[in-house]
């Protein structure tokens, strides 16, 4: 098998209310989340450096194909240098912190878990 440079190529987080979810993620990451509509599919995009090889993802609303779920695949979003900045905005934005910042292991950074406004459980990761 070919060894891939990245294990992740793209991710999509299902949402039941795109406007509410966009406001949540815009608030915790402190930017206006870009949005696009493709027919009946609506997407809000996480910011990333595509031209520098960054890996991106989106929140996605399409009731026939995407359903929020707390027990699905666990996605770790970049929390920046110190995820505390993002984590501190989660509950104010309508989410719930499920596990506060904790060290993963020597040299592996820190992580935290949160539930978004749609019921998805995601993680944050930071080097510090």
Protein backbone atom coordinates (compact mmCIF):
# COMPACT_ATOMS: atom_id res chain seq x y z
CA UNK A 1 0.00 0.00 0.00
CA UNK A 2 1.13 3.52 -0.75
CA UNK A 3 2.07 5.54 2.35
CA UNK A 4 -0.01 8.74 2.44
CA UNK A 5 1.48 12.04 3.63
CA UNK A 6 -1.76 12.86 5.48
CA UNK A 7 -4.32 10.40 6.81
CA UNK A 8 -7.05 12.98 6.28
CA UNK A 9 -7.97 14.57 2.96
CA UNK A 10 -11.22 16.38 3.87
CA UNK A 11 -13.92 16.10 6.52
CA UNK A 12 -17.59 17.01 6.79
CA UNK A 13 -19.51 17.57 10.01
CA UNK A 14 -23.27 16.99 9.64
CA UNK A 15 -25.59 19.71 10.94
CA UNK A 16 -29.37 19.99 11.19
CA UNK A 17 -29.43 23.82 11.26
CA UNK A 18 -26.63 25.36 9.18
CA UNK A 19 -27.27 28.92 10.35
CA UNK A 20 -27.09 27.93 14.02
CA UNK A 21 -24.01 25.74 13.45
CA UNK A 22 -22.28 28.47 11.39
CA UNK A 23 -22.84 30.95 14.23
CA UNK A 24 -21.44 28.43 16.74
CA UNK A 25 -18.25 27.72 14.78
CA UNK A 26 -17.82 31.35 13.75
CA UNK A 27 -18.02 32.30 17.42
CA UNK A 28 -15.61 29.72 18.82
CA UNK A 29 -13.01 30.23 16.07
CA UNK A 30 -13.57 34.01 15.88
CA UNK A 31 -14.14 34.38 12.12
CA UNK A 32 -17.09 34.62 9.76
CA UNK A 33 -17.43 31.08 8.38
CA UNK A 34 -17.76 31.18 4.57
CA UNK A 35 -20.86 29.47 3.18
CA UNK A 36 -21.82 27.97 -0.18
CA UNK A 37 -24.89 26.25 -1.52
CA UNK A 38 -24.76 23.43 -4.08
CA UNK A 39 -28.35 22.66 -5.06
CA UNK A 40 -30.00 21.47 -1.83
CA UNK A 41 -26.64 20.99 -0.06
CA UNK A 42 -25.42 23.87 2.14
CA UNK A 43 -21.86 24.02 3.48
CA UNK A 44 -19.92 26.26 5.87
CA UNK A 45 -16.15 26.05 5.51
CA UNK A 46 -13.47 25.89 8.20
CA UNK A 47 -10.58 28.19 7.34
CA UNK A 48 -7.30 26.57 6.31
CA UNK A 49 -4.27 27.28 4.12
CA UNK A 50 -5.20 25.30 1.02
CA UNK A 51 -2.38 26.79 -1.08
CA UNK A 52 0.16 25.57 1.50
CA UNK A 53 -1.12 22.01 1.57
CA UNK A 54 -3.52 22.48 4.46
CA UNK A 55 -6.39 20.05 4.95
CA UNK A 56 -9.87 21.48 5.25
CA UNK A 57 -13.40 20.54 6.01
CA UNK A 58 -16.91 21.87 6.32
CA UNK A 59 -20.14 21.72 8.21
CA UNK A 60 -22.80 20.29 5.91
CA UNK A 61 -26.59 20.47 5.85
CA UNK A 62 -28.53 18.01 3.73
CA UNK A 63 -31.24 16.21 5.74
CA UNK A 64 -31.39 13.19 3.41
CA UNK A 65 -27.68 12.37 3.69
CA UNK A 66 -26.22 14.02 6.82
CA UNK A 67 -27.38 13.51 10.40
CA UNK A 68 -25.58 14.91 13.44
CA UNK A 69 -24.36 12.18 15.77
CA UNK A 70 -22.40 12.11 19.02
CA UNK A 71 -21.17 8.55 18.42
CA UNK A 72 -19.70 8.85 14.93
CA UNK A 73 -16.16 9.38 13.75
CA UNK A 74 -14.16 11.68 16.04
CA UNK A 75 -12.65 14.66 14.23
CA UNK A 76 -9.90 16.70 15.90
CA UNK A 77 -10.05 20.36 14.86
CA UNK A 78 -6.99 22.51 15.20
CA UNK A 79 -7.34 24.71 18.27
CA UNK A 80 -4.38 26.90 17.31
CA UNK A 81 -1.28 27.21 19.45
CA UNK A 82 -3.30 26.92 22.70
CA UNK A 83 -6.76 25.35 22.41
CA UNK A 84 -7.90 27.10 25.61
CA UNK A 85 -8.72 30.21 23.53
CA UNK A 86 -11.23 28.27 21.40
CA UNK A 87 -12.43 26.01 24.22
CA UNK A 88 -13.32 29.02 26.37
CA UNK A 89 -15.85 30.14 23.73
CA UNK A 90 -17.70 26.82 23.35
CA UNK A 91 -20.34 27.17 26.06
CA UNK A 92 -20.98 30.86 25.36
CA UNK A 93 -21.68 29.86 21.74
CA UNK A 94 -24.24 27.24 22.82
CA UNK A 95 -22.06 24.12 22.94
CA UNK A 96 -20.89 22.04 25.89
CA UNK A 97 -17.35 21.23 26.99
CA UNK A 98 -17.27 17.50 27.67
CA UNK A 99 -13.59 17.18 28.57
CA UNK A 100 -11.37 20.12 29.36
CA UNK A 101 -7.86 20.60 28.03
CA UNK A 102 -5.55 17.72 28.89
CA UNK A 103 -2.08 16.66 27.84
CA UNK A 104 -2.03 13.72 25.43
CA UNK A 105 1.52 12.59 26.02
CA UNK A 106 5.06 13.89 25.86
CA UNK A 107 5.49 16.01 22.75
CA UNK A 108 1.99 15.23 21.45
CA UNK A 109 0.21 18.37 22.63
CA UNK A 110 -3.18 18.75 24.25
CA UNK A 111 -6.77 17.84 23.46
CA UNK A 112 -10.31 18.57 24.62
CA UNK A 113 -13.80 17.33 23.70
CA UNK A 114 -16.94 19.36 23.08
CA UNK A 115 -20.49 18.90 21.81
CA UNK A 116 -21.60 21.45 19.21
CA UNK A 117 -25.08 22.96 18.88
CA UNK A 118 -26.11 20.10 16.57
CA UNK A 119 -25.24 17.25 18.94
CA UNK A 120 -21.94 16.25 17.30
CA UNK A 121 -19.00 15.47 19.58
CA UNK A 122 -15.71 16.82 18.24
CA UNK A 123 -12.25 17.29 19.66
CA UNK A 124 -9.73 20.13 19.65
CA UNK A 125 -5.98 19.68 19.42
CA UNK A 126 -3.12 22.09 20.08
CA UNK A 127 0.64 21.77 20.47
CA UNK A 128 0.58 23.70 23.77
